[in-house]
Amino acid sequence: MDDEGKADDEISLNSENKSKKNLPPIRQASVVWQHYEKMFDDKGTLINIKCNYCNQQYSSKSSTTTLNDHWNKKYSKIQPGEVGSIEAAFNNSQHQTRVKSREEERSEILNNLINWVITDCQPFKVVDCPSFKEFVASLNSGFQVPS
């Protein structure tokens, strides 16, 4: 029997070439996965997720948001060739086009010092250590370490 005379519902239910309209779209994998490795057991079951940089492990049920937050917090500032990277540090020292004012330089050093104390969980009193002050003075004699 041909499809003429049948209702649209009957044709769609019996048709071998069913439409793929109801299938969800295939999503592209998150870019965050380039920074993580999925760890599997011998049976091929996902057991955890490991950061490629610090080996921090996360549950297999962790969301990409959790992984992205970890990466952004710890590593987003040090991508090769970008701000904060070793390449950028060398490029900036060799090809500096604009001279920073003393206030800009002082502010940048202070922000870096505060960032280091906080992110590395250093005690605040570390900046009062005479050897630390001597070290900072050897890098920039004009910078006064706050106490």
C-alpha atoms as a PDB file:
ATOM      1  CA  MET A   1       0.000   0.000   0.000  1.00  0.00           C
ATOM      2  CA  ASP A   2       1.359   3.431  -0.859  1.00  0.00           C
ATOM      3  CA  ASP A   3       1.509   6.454   1.425  1.00  0.00           C
ATOM      4  CA  GLU A   4      -1.282   8.317  -0.365  1.00  0.00           C
ATOM      5  CA  GLY A   5      -4.443   8.609   1.657  1.00  0.00           C
ATOM      6  CA  LYS A   6      -2.668   8.205   5.015  1.00  0.00           C
ATOM      7  CA  ALA A   7      -2.512  10.911   7.624  1.00  0.00           C
ATOM      8  CA  ASP A   8       0.828  12.625   8.267  1.00  0.00           C
ATOM      9  CA  ASP A   9       1.109  10.867  11.656  1.00  0.00           C
ATOM     10  CA  GLU A  10       0.742   7.461  10.036  1.00  0.00           C
ATOM     11  CA  ILE A  11       3.398   8.241   7.451  1.00  0.00           C
ATOM     12  CA  SER A  12       5.900   9.482  10.043  1.00  0.00           C
ATOM     13  CA  LEU A  13       5.368   6.458  12.295  1.00  0.00           C
ATOM     14  CA  ASN A  14       5.698   3.935   9.496  1.00  0.00           C
ATOM     15  CA  SER A  15       8.339   5.665   7.411  1.00  0.00           C
ATOM     16  CA  GLU A  16      11.765   4.050   7.275  1.00  0.00           C
ATOM     17  CA  ASN A  17      13.342   7.450   6.691  1.00  0.00           C
ATOM     18  CA  LYS A  18      12.282   9.052   9.955  1.00  0.00           C
ATOM     19  CA  SER A  19      13.221  12.666  10.380  1.00  0.00           C
ATOM     20  CA  LYS A  20      16.109  13.444  12.715  1.00  0.00           C
ATOM     21  CA  LYS A  21      14.447  16.648  13.918  1.00  0.00           C
ATOM     22  CA  ASN A  22      13.881  15.339  17.453  1.00  0.00           C
ATOM     23  CA  LEU A  23      17.498  14.397  18.123  1.00  0.00           C
ATOM     24  CA  PRO A  24      19.443  16.843  20.270  1.00  0.00           C
ATOM     25  CA  PRO A  25      22.247  18.654  18.460  1.00  0.00           C
ATOM     26  CA  ILE A  26      25.712  17.203  18.903  1.00  0.00           C
ATOM     27  CA  ARG A  27      27.669  19.558  21.138  1.00  0.00           C
ATOM     28  CA  GLN A  28      31.299  20.307  20.603  1.00  0.00           C
ATOM     29  CA  ALA A  29      33.591  19.357  23.494  1.00  0.00           C
ATOM     30  CA  SER A  30      34.517  22.210  25.813  1.00  0.00           C
ATOM     31  CA  VAL A  31      37.908  23.813  25.170  1.00  0.00           C
ATOM     32  CA  VAL A  32      38.758  23.224  28.839  1.00  0.00           C
ATOM     33  CA  TRP A  33      39.458  19.548  28.013  1.00  0.00           C
ATOM     34  CA  GLN A  34      42.745  20.528  26.364  1.00  0.00           C
ATOM     35  CA  HIS A  35      44.057  21.174  29.900  1.00  0.00           C
ATOM     36  CA  TYR A  36      42.810  17.937  31.496  1.00  0.00           C
ATOM     37  CA  GLU A  37      43.211  14.193  31.057  1.00  0.00           C
ATOM     38  CA  LYS A  38      40.470  11.682  31.683  1.00  0.00           C
ATOM     39  CA  MET A  39      41.704   8.751  33.785  1.00  0.00           C
ATOM     40  CA  PHE A  40      40.137   5.332  33.142  1.00  0.00           C
ATOM     41  CA  ASP A  41      40.382   2.015  34.996  1.00  0.00           C
ATOM     42  CA  ASP A  42      41.201  -1.321  33.329  1.00  0.00           C
ATOM     43  CA  LYS A  43      37.567  -1.777  32.302  1.00  0.00           C
ATOM     44  CA  GLY A  44      37.413   1.579  30.515  1.00  0.00           C
ATOM     45  CA  THR A  45      35.340   3.270  33.218  1.00  0.00           C
ATOM     46  CA  LEU A  46      36.102   6.935  33.868  1.00  0.00           C
ATOM     47  CA  ILE A  47      37.471   7.153  37.418  1.00  0.00           C
ATOM     48  CA  ASN A  48      38.726  10.748  37.655  1.00  0.00           C
ATOM     49  CA  ILE A  49      39.985  13.794  35.789  1.00  0.00           C
ATOM     50  CA  LYS A  50      43.536  15.119  36.162  1.00  0.00           C
ATOM     51  CA  CYS A  51      44.898  18.606  35.493  1.00  0.00           C
ATOM     52  CA  ASN A  52      47.763  18.464  32.973  1.00  0.00           C
ATOM     53  CA  TYR A  53      49.752  21.123  34.844  1.00  0.00           C
ATOM     54  CA  CYS A  54      49.511  20.368  38.568  1.00  0.00           C
ATOM     55  CA  ASN A  55      48.073  16.816  38.560  1.00  0.00           C
ATOM     56  CA  GLN A  56      45.123  18.003  40.678  1.00  0.00           C
ATOM     57  CA  GLN A  57      42.487  15.277  40.447  1.00  0.00           C
ATOM     58  CA  TYR A  58      38.747  15.767  40.230  1.00  0.00           C
ATOM     59  CA  SER A  59      35.818  13.399  40.486  1.00  0.00           C
ATOM     60  CA  SER A  60      34.570  11.858  37.268  1.00  0.00           C
ATOM     61  CA  LYS A  61      31.307  13.698  37.957  1.00  0.00           C
ATOM     62  CA  SER A  62      32.962  17.146  37.993  1.00  0.00           C
ATOM     63  CA  SER A  63      31.460  19.685  35.651  1.00  0.00           C
ATOM     64  CA  THR A  64      33.417  21.540  33.003  1.00  0.00           C
ATOM     65  CA  THR A  65      32.616  24.700  34.985  1.00  0.00           C
ATOM     66  CA  THR A  66      34.583  23.339  37.948  1.00  0.00           C
ATOM     67  CA  LEU A  67      37.496  22.436  35.690  1.00  0.00           C
ATOM     68  CA  ASN A  68      37.362  25.806  33.947  1.00  0.00           C
ATOM     69  CA  ASP A  69      37.332  27.638  37.296  1.00  0.00           C
ATOM     70  CA  HIS A  70      40.472  25.736  38.396  1.00  0.00           C
ATOM     71  CA  TRP A  71      42.260  26.527  35.155  1.00  0.00           C
ATOM     72  CA  ASN A  72      41.252  30.196  35.143  1.00  0.00           C
ATOM     73  CA  LYS A  73      42.295  30.656  38.765  1.00  0.00           C
ATOM     74  CA  LYS A  74      45.701  29.038  38.406  1.00  0.00           C
ATOM     75  CA  TYR A  75      46.837  29.095  34.800  1.00  0.00           C
ATOM     76  CA  SER A  76      44.930  31.483  32.554  1.00  0.00           C
ATOM     77  CA  LYS A  77      47.501  34.227  33.153  1.00  0.00           C
ATOM     78  CA  ILE A  78      50.492  32.156  32.050  1.00  0.00           C
ATOM     79  CA  GLN A  79      49.592  30.902  28.595  1.00  0.00           C
ATOM     80  CA  PRO A  80      52.540  30.745  26.198  1.00  0.00           C
ATOM     81  CA  GLY A  81      53.019  34.056  24.458  1.00  0.00           C
ATOM     82  CA  GLU A  82      50.358  35.837  26.474  1.00  0.00           C
ATOM     83  CA  VAL A  83      50.463  38.259  29.390  1.00  0.00           C
ATOM     84  CA  GLY A  84      52.279  36.696  32.326  1.00  0.00           C
ATOM     85  CA  SER A  85      54.135  34.128  30.251  1.00  0.00           C
ATOM     86  CA  ILE A  86      57.898  33.736  30.107  1.00  0.00           C
ATOM     87  CA  GLU A  87      57.859  34.716  26.427  1.00  0.00           C
ATOM     88  CA  ALA A  88      55.954  37.901  27.200  1.00  0.00           C
ATOM     89  CA  ALA A  89      58.373  38.767  29.993  1.00  0.00           C
ATOM     90  CA  PHE A  90      61.356  38.481  27.643  1.00  0.00           C
ATOM     91  CA  ASN A  91      59.587  40.279  24.825  1.00  0.00           C
ATOM     92  CA  ASN A  92      58.540  43.132  27.101  1.00  0.00           C
ATOM     93  CA  SER A  93      62.045  43.585  28.504  1.00  0.00           C
ATOM     94  CA  GLN A  94      63.642  43.555  25.056  1.00  0.00           C
ATOM     95  CA  HIS A  95      61.041  45.499  23.070  1.00  0.00           C
ATOM     96  CA  GLN A  96      59.499  47.852  25.557  1.00  0.00           C
ATOM     97  CA  THR A  97      57.930  50.695  23.622  1.00  0.00           C
ATOM     98  CA  ARG A  98      56.437  52.689  26.478  1.00  0.00           C
ATOM     99  CA  VAL A  99      58.325  53.556  29.637  1.00  0.00           C
ATOM    100  CA  LYS A 100      56.221  53.078  32.739  1.00  0.00           C
ATOM    101  CA  SER A 101      55.945  55.866  35.236  1.00  0.00           C
ATOM    102  CA  ARG A 102      57.348  55.251  38.693  1.00  0.00           C
ATOM    103  CA  GLU A 103      53.837  55.103  40.119  1.00  0.00           C
ATOM    104  CA  GLU A 104      52.731  52.560  37.498  1.00  0.00           C
ATOM    105  CA  GLU A 105      55.799  50.445  38.181  1.00  0.00           C
ATOM    106  CA  ARG A 106      55.324  50.666  41.952  1.00  0.00           C
ATOM    107  CA  SER A 107      51.650  49.742  41.610  1.00  0.00           C
ATOM    108  CA  GLU A 108      52.476  46.767  39.371  1.00  0.00           C
ATOM    109  CA  ILE A 109      55.156  45.469  41.754  1.00  0.00           C
ATOM    110  CA  LEU A 110      52.833  45.885  44.737  1.00  0.00           C
ATOM    111  CA  ASN A 111      50.021  44.038  42.949  1.00  0.00           C
ATOM    112  CA  ASN A 112      52.408  41.216  42.022  1.00  0.00           C
ATOM    113  CA  LEU A 113      53.655  41.005  45.613  1.00  0.00           C
ATOM    114  CA  ILE A 114      50.107  40.861  46.982  1.00  0.00           C
ATOM    115  CA  ASN A 115      49.126  38.295  44.361  1.00  0.00           C
ATOM    116  CA  TRP A 116      52.140  36.127  45.294  1.00  0.00           C
ATOM    117  CA  VAL A 117      51.379  36.304  49.035  1.00  0.00           C
ATOM    118  CA  ILE A 118      47.740  35.362  48.473  1.00  0.00           C
ATOM    119  CA  THR A 119      48.031  32.687  45.772  1.00  0.00           C
ATOM    120  CA  ASP A 120      50.974  30.922  47.424  1.00  0.00           C
ATOM    121  CA  CYS A 121      49.410  31.211  50.903  1.00  0.00           C
ATOM    122  CA  GLN A 122      52.462  33.021  52.237  1.00  0.00           C
ATOM    123  CA  PRO A 123      52.215  34.522  55.719  1.00  0.00           C
ATOM    124  CA  PHE A 124      51.879  38.301  55.623  1.00  0.00           C
ATOM    125  CA  LYS A 125      54.982  38.657  57.779  1.00  0.00           C
ATOM    126  CA  VAL A 126      57.159  37.282  54.955  1.00  0.00           C
ATOM    127  CA  VAL A 127      57.466  40.828  53.593  1.00  0.00           C
ATOM    128  CA  ASP A 128      59.057  41.972  56.888  1.00  0.00           C
ATOM    129  CA  CYS A 129      61.931  39.499  56.601  1.00  0.00           C
ATOM    130  CA  PRO A 130      65.238  41.374  56.058  1.00  0.00           C
ATOM    131  CA  SER A 131      66.443  38.885  53.437  1.00  0.00           C
ATOM    132  CA  PHE A 132      63.190  39.311  51.490  1.00  0.00           C
ATOM    133  CA  LYS A 133      63.564  43.109  51.572  1.00  0.00           C
ATOM    134  CA  GLU A 134      67.163  42.728  50.403  1.00  0.00           C
ATOM    135  CA  PHE A 135      66.032  40.488  47.557  1.00  0.00           C
ATOM    136  CA  VAL A 136      63.373  42.968  46.426  1.00  0.00           C
ATOM    137  CA  ALA A 137      65.878  45.832  46.648  1.00  0.00           C
ATOM    138  CA  SER A 138      68.252  43.892  44.391  1.00  0.00           C
ATOM    139  CA  LEU A 139      65.477  43.692  41.790  1.00  0.00           C
ATOM    140  CA  ASN A 140      64.279  47.261  42.164  1.00  0.00           C
ATOM    141  CA  SER A 141      66.141  49.544  44.538  1.00  0.00           C
ATOM    142  CA  GLY A 142      63.391  52.168  44.398  1.00  0.00           C
ATOM    143  CA  PHE A 143      60.596  49.898  45.624  1.00  0.00           C
ATOM    144  CA  GLN A 144      59.794  50.061  49.326  1.00  0.00           C
ATOM    145  CA  VAL A 145      58.235  46.817  50.579  1.00  0.00           C
ATOM    146  CA  PRO A 146      55.119  47.604  52.654  1.00  0.00           C
ATOM    147  CA  SER A 147      54.872  46.067  56.089  1.00  0.00           C
END
